[in-house]
Amino acid sequence: MTRPRRVRAIHRSVLIRAAVIGLAIALVVHVGSVAREMPAASPLGRWATADGDGVIEIGWCGAALCGRIVGIARSPGEPVPKDYQGHSQCGLTIITGGSPAEDGTWQGHVIDPRSGKEYQAELWVDDAGQLKLRGFVGIPLLGKTVTWNRFTGRLTADCRMI
């Protein structure tokens, strides 16, 4: 191989290696940015409330997360509890406007069905698979966090837990 051909071959080899390394770096950066955009674990699904007396189903309402009461612990024949306006709590939406935050939590609002008071809310699923819901006014530091677990039981059409 003459000297110019050899220089061109080395130059081509260096360019190919640089291109492969550049593509590998771009792929790592892209995968890392996608991982940061996705929440750590999804709050979608049915959750038993902290006291075990209710089931909230979290799903999509348009572009935001929302949660509605789909289960209430009560005896057969016992009437469905009423909300603060006198309506059935069965099907009542109590979590609204849930949108993902950069830290993997979801930000929205939660309504106390008995009083009608609305609070800011922060939701996340911890490493144990439990949903944490923090309700607060103003800043999260002044709020209260409750823990919900995935609901695996059965429900009747009239929101009774079996």
C-alpha atoms as a PDB file:
ATOM      1  CA  MET A   1       0.000   0.000   0.000  1.00  0.00           C
ATOM      2  CA  THR A   2       1.442   3.359  -0.928  1.00  0.00           C
ATOM      3  CA  ARG A   3       1.705   6.084   1.638  1.00  0.00           C
ATOM      4  CA  PRO A   4      -1.342   8.181   0.482  1.00  0.00           C
ATOM      5  CA  ARG A   5      -3.613   5.119   0.416  1.00  0.00           C
ATOM      6  CA  ARG A   6      -2.436   4.085   3.850  1.00  0.00           C
ATOM      7  CA  VAL A   7      -3.119   7.574   5.245  1.00  0.00           C
ATOM      8  CA  ARG A   8      -6.593   7.559   3.687  1.00  0.00           C
ATOM      9  CA  ALA A   9      -7.333   4.089   5.175  1.00  0.00           C
ATOM     10  CA  ILE A  10      -6.240   5.226   8.634  1.00  0.00           C
ATOM     11  CA  HIS A  11      -8.243   8.437   8.249  1.00  0.00           C
ATOM     12  CA  ARG A  12     -11.345   6.466   7.175  1.00  0.00           C
ATOM     13  CA  SER A  13     -10.922   4.066  10.126  1.00  0.00           C
ATOM     14  CA  VAL A  14     -10.685   6.984  12.563  1.00  0.00           C
ATOM     15  CA  LEU A  15     -13.811   8.595  11.060  1.00  0.00           C
ATOM     16  CA  ILE A  16     -15.795   5.363  11.333  1.00  0.00           C
ATOM     17  CA  ARG A  17     -14.772   4.889  14.971  1.00  0.00           C
ATOM     18  CA  ALA A  18     -15.686   8.506  15.761  1.00  0.00           C
ATOM     19  CA  ALA A  19     -19.076   8.059  14.091  1.00  0.00           C
ATOM     20  CA  VAL A  20     -19.796   4.853  16.048  1.00  0.00           C
ATOM     21  CA  ILE A  21     -18.772   6.490  19.328  1.00  0.00           C
ATOM     22  CA  GLY A  22     -20.894   9.554  18.502  1.00  0.00           C
ATOM     23  CA  LEU A  23     -23.944   7.382  17.786  1.00  0.00           C
ATOM     24  CA  ALA A  24     -23.426   5.441  21.016  1.00  0.00           C
ATOM     25  CA  ILE A  25     -23.237   8.675  23.029  1.00  0.00           C
ATOM     26  CA  ALA A  26     -26.351  10.051  21.308  1.00  0.00           C
ATOM     27  CA  LEU A  27     -28.242   6.836  22.096  1.00  0.00           C
ATOM     28  CA  VAL A  28     -27.248   6.930  25.775  1.00  0.00           C
ATOM     29  CA  VAL A  29     -28.278  10.596  26.068  1.00  0.00           C
ATOM     30  CA  HIS A  30     -31.620   9.906  24.337  1.00  0.00           C
ATOM     31  CA  VAL A  31     -32.438   6.893  26.529  1.00  0.00           C
ATOM     32  CA  GLY A  32     -31.537   8.898  29.639  1.00  0.00           C
ATOM     33  CA  SER A  33     -33.802  11.791  28.660  1.00  0.00           C
ATOM     34  CA  VAL A  34     -36.717   9.454  27.916  1.00  0.00           C
ATOM     35  CA  ALA A  35     -36.271   7.787  31.318  1.00  0.00           C
ATOM     36  CA  ARG A  36     -36.418  11.188  33.039  1.00  0.00           C
ATOM     37  CA  GLU A  37     -39.633  12.125  31.217  1.00  0.00           C
ATOM     38  CA  MET A  38     -41.494   8.999  32.310  1.00  0.00           C
ATOM     39  CA  PRO A  39     -42.843   8.786  35.881  1.00  0.00           C
ATOM     40  CA  ALA A  40     -41.163   6.077  37.955  1.00  0.00           C
ATOM     41  CA  ALA A  41     -44.320   3.973  38.406  1.00  0.00           C
ATOM     42  CA  SER A  42     -47.864   4.454  37.240  1.00  0.00           C
ATOM     43  CA  PRO A  43     -50.621   5.374  39.672  1.00  0.00           C
ATOM     44  CA  LEU A  44     -53.234   4.033  37.231  1.00  0.00           C
ATOM     45  CA  GLY A  45     -55.527   1.358  38.621  1.00  0.00           C
ATOM     46  CA  ARG A  46     -57.668   0.609  41.661  1.00  0.00           C
ATOM     47  CA  TRP A  47     -56.387   1.562  45.108  1.00  0.00           C
ATOM     48  CA  ALA A  48     -57.720   0.712  48.570  1.00  0.00           C
ATOM     49  CA  THR A  49     -57.738   3.812  50.765  1.00  0.00           C
ATOM     50  CA  ALA A  50     -55.587   4.021  53.910  1.00  0.00           C
ATOM     51  CA  ASP A  51     -58.421   2.900  56.203  1.00  0.00           C
ATOM     52  CA  GLY A  52     -59.482   0.141  53.788  1.00  0.00           C
ATOM     53  CA  ASP A  53     -63.044   1.496  53.649  1.00  0.00           C
ATOM     54  CA  GLY A  54     -62.923   2.709  50.057  1.00  0.00           C
ATOM     55  CA  VAL A  55     -61.569   1.995  46.589  1.00  0.00           C
ATOM     56  CA  ILE A  56     -60.470   4.756  44.245  1.00  0.00           C
ATOM     57  CA  GLU A  57     -59.919   4.050  40.564  1.00  0.00           C
ATOM     58  CA  ILE A  58     -57.282   6.302  39.033  1.00  0.00           C
ATOM     59  CA  GLY A  59     -57.445   6.690  35.271  1.00  0.00           C
ATOM     60  CA  TRP A  60     -57.347   9.245  32.502  1.00  0.00           C
ATOM     61  CA  CYS A  61     -59.872  12.059  32.171  1.00  0.00           C
ATOM     62  CA  GLY A  62     -58.788  13.610  28.910  1.00  0.00           C
ATOM     63  CA  ALA A  63     -55.112  14.568  29.203  1.00  0.00           C
ATOM     64  CA  ALA A  64     -55.044  14.486  33.033  1.00  0.00           C
ATOM     65  CA  LEU A  65     -55.266  11.815  35.710  1.00  0.00           C
ATOM     66  CA  CYS A  66     -58.384  11.653  37.814  1.00  0.00           C
ATOM     67  CA  GLY A  67     -59.669   9.356  40.516  1.00  0.00           C
ATOM     68  CA  ARG A  68     -63.218   8.357  41.352  1.00  0.00           C
ATOM     69  CA  ILE A  69     -64.798   6.336  44.115  1.00  0.00           C
ATOM     70  CA  VAL A  70     -65.673   2.866  42.824  1.00  0.00           C
ATOM     71  CA  GLY A  71     -65.880   0.939  46.089  1.00  0.00           C
ATOM     72  CA  ILE A  72     -67.226   1.614  49.584  1.00  0.00           C
ATOM     73  CA  ALA A  73     -67.112  -0.808  52.520  1.00  0.00           C
ATOM     74  CA  ARG A  74     -70.720  -1.356  53.581  1.00  0.00           C
ATOM     75  CA  SER A  75     -73.102  -4.166  54.380  1.00  0.00           C
ATOM     76  CA  PRO A  76     -75.575  -5.499  51.794  1.00  0.00           C
ATOM     77  CA  GLY A  77     -78.657  -3.289  51.831  1.00  0.00           C
ATOM     78  CA  GLU A  78     -76.824  -0.424  53.561  1.00  0.00           C
ATOM     79  CA  PRO A  79     -77.315   2.765  51.527  1.00  0.00           C
ATOM     80  CA  VAL A  80     -74.456   4.365  49.614  1.00  0.00           C
ATOM     81  CA  PRO A  81     -73.034   7.287  51.613  1.00  0.00           C
ATOM     82  CA  LYS A  82     -73.770  10.786  50.337  1.00  0.00           C
ATOM     83  CA  ASP A  83     -71.228  13.490  49.556  1.00  0.00           C
ATOM     84  CA  TYR A  84     -71.262  17.044  50.905  1.00  0.00           C
ATOM     85  CA  GLN A  85     -73.964  17.998  48.360  1.00  0.00           C
ATOM     86  CA  GLY A  86     -76.202  15.041  49.136  1.00  0.00           C
ATOM     87  CA  HIS A  87     -75.241  13.031  46.025  1.00  0.00           C
ATOM     88  CA  SER A  88     -74.114   9.422  46.056  1.00  0.00           C
ATOM     89  CA  GLN A  89     -70.402   8.973  46.667  1.00  0.00           C
ATOM     90  CA  CYS A  90     -70.450   6.057  44.214  1.00  0.00           C
ATOM     91  CA  GLY A  91     -68.719   7.323  41.070  1.00  0.00           C
ATOM     92  CA  LEU A  92     -67.750  10.659  42.652  1.00  0.00           C
ATOM     93  CA  THR A  93     -64.545  12.106  41.190  1.00  0.00           C
ATOM     94  CA  ILE A  94     -62.260  13.098  44.056  1.00  0.00           C
ATOM     95  CA  ILE A  95     -58.882  13.457  42.266  1.00  0.00           C
ATOM     96  CA  THR A  96     -58.639  15.895  39.361  1.00  0.00           C
ATOM     97  CA  GLY A  97     -56.059  17.534  37.124  1.00  0.00           C
ATOM     98  CA  GLY A  98     -53.245  15.037  37.688  1.00  0.00           C
ATOM     99  CA  SER A  99     -50.223  15.871  35.586  1.00  0.00           C
ATOM    100  CA  PRO A 100     -46.680  14.472  35.761  1.00  0.00           C
ATOM    101  CA  ALA A 101     -43.944  16.520  37.421  1.00  0.00           C
ATOM    102  CA  GLU A 102     -40.236  16.304  36.606  1.00  0.00           C
ATOM    103  CA  ASP A 103     -39.491  14.425  39.841  1.00  0.00           C
ATOM    104  CA  GLY A 104     -41.750  11.469  38.929  1.00  0.00           C
ATOM    105  CA  THR A 105     -44.708  12.568  41.063  1.00  0.00           C
ATOM    106  CA  TRP A 106     -48.133  13.609  39.825  1.00  0.00           C
ATOM    107  CA  GLN A 107     -49.587  16.993  40.786  1.00  0.00           C
ATOM    108  CA  GLY A 108     -53.321  17.687  40.943  1.00  0.00           C
ATOM    109  CA  HIS A 109     -56.176  18.252  43.390  1.00  0.00           C
ATOM    110  CA  VAL A 110     -58.100  16.063  45.815  1.00  0.00           C
ATOM    111  CA  ILE A 111     -61.570  16.718  47.256  1.00  0.00           C
ATOM    112  CA  ASP A 112     -62.783  15.465  50.639  1.00  0.00           C
ATOM    113  CA  PRO A 113     -66.156  13.885  49.703  1.00  0.00           C
ATOM    114  CA  ARG A 114     -67.644  14.549  53.148  1.00  0.00           C
ATOM    115  CA  SER A 115     -66.763  18.245  53.455  1.00  0.00           C
ATOM    116  CA  GLY A 116     -66.202  19.327  49.848  1.00  0.00           C
ATOM    117  CA  LYS A 117     -62.862  20.912  50.788  1.00  0.00           C
ATOM    118  CA  GLU A 118     -60.354  20.875  47.945  1.00  0.00           C
ATOM    119  CA  TYR A 119     -56.633  20.442  48.502  1.00  0.00           C
ATOM    120  CA  GLN A 120     -53.590  20.431  46.273  1.00  0.00           C
ATOM    121  CA  ALA A 121     -52.329  16.890  45.865  1.00  0.00           C
ATOM    122  CA  GLU A 122     -49.109  15.124  45.099  1.00  0.00           C
ATOM    123  CA  LEU A 123     -49.189  11.413  44.187  1.00  0.00           C
ATOM    124  CA  TRP A 124     -46.423   8.910  43.667  1.00  0.00           C
ATOM    125  CA  VAL A 125     -45.886   5.174  43.798  1.00  0.00           C
ATOM    126  CA  ASP A 126     -43.046   4.175  46.127  1.00  0.00           C
ATOM    127  CA  ASP A 127     -40.544   1.344  45.696  1.00  0.00           C
ATOM    128  CA  ALA A 128     -42.877  -1.037  47.570  1.00  0.00           C
ATOM    129  CA  GLY A 129     -45.649  -0.395  45.018  1.00  0.00           C
ATOM    130  CA  GLN A 130     -47.792   1.651  47.419  1.00  0.00           C
ATOM    131  CA  LEU A 131     -49.448   4.860  46.299  1.00  0.00           C
ATOM    132  CA  LYS A 132     -48.656   7.901  48.433  1.00  0.00           C
ATOM    133  CA  LEU A 133     -51.151  10.761  48.316  1.00  0.00           C
ATOM    134  CA  ARG A 134     -50.168  14.015  49.980  1.00  0.00           C
ATOM    135  CA  GLY A 135     -52.913  16.597  50.379  1.00  0.00           C
ATOM    136  CA  PHE A 136     -51.937  20.124  51.296  1.00  0.00           C
ATOM    137  CA  VAL A 137     -52.820  23.808  51.200  1.00  0.00           C
ATOM    138  CA  GLY A 138     -50.075  26.068  49.888  1.00  0.00           C
ATOM    139  CA  ILE A 139     -46.907  24.030  50.346  1.00  0.00           C
ATOM    140  CA  PRO A 140     -46.470  20.243  50.640  1.00  0.00           C
ATOM    141  CA  LEU A 141     -44.575  20.645  53.933  1.00  0.00           C
ATOM    142  CA  LEU A 142     -47.864  21.607  55.606  1.00  0.00           C
ATOM    143  CA  GLY A 143     -49.782  18.595  54.328  1.00  0.00           C
ATOM    144  CA  LYS A 144     -50.595  15.028  55.247  1.00  0.00           C
ATOM    145  CA  THR A 145     -49.580  11.876  53.401  1.00  0.00           C
ATOM    146  CA  VAL A 146     -51.726   8.745  53.303  1.00  0.00           C
ATOM    147  CA  THR A 147     -50.743   5.359  51.897  1.00  0.00           C
ATOM    148  CA  TRP A 148     -52.984   3.375  49.567  1.00  0.00           C
ATOM    149  CA  ASN A 149     -52.455  -0.197  48.414  1.00  0.00           C
ATOM    150  CA  ARG A 150     -53.484  -1.845  45.161  1.00  0.00           C
ATOM    151  CA  PHE A 151     -57.012  -3.214  45.445  1.00  0.00           C
ATOM    152  CA  THR A 152     -57.307  -6.866  44.497  1.00  0.00           C
ATOM    153  CA  GLY A 153     -60.817  -7.595  45.766  1.00  0.00           C
ATOM    154  CA  ARG A 154     -64.160  -7.488  43.996  1.00  0.00           C
ATOM    155  CA  LEU A 155     -66.760  -4.738  43.701  1.00  0.00           C
ATOM    156  CA  THR A 156     -70.487  -4.793  42.975  1.00  0.00           C
ATOM    157  CA  ALA A 157     -72.168  -2.507  40.451  1.00  0.00           C
ATOM    158  CA  ASP A 158     -73.414  -0.327  43.335  1.00  0.00           C
ATOM    159  CA  CYS A 159     -69.870   0.258  44.694  1.00  0.00           C
ATOM    160  CA  ARG A 160     -69.983  -2.295  47.487  1.00  0.00           C
ATOM    161  CA  MET A 161     -66.697  -3.989  48.324  1.00  0.00           C
ATOM    162  CA  ILE A 162     -66.913  -7.793  48.575  1.00  0.00           C
END
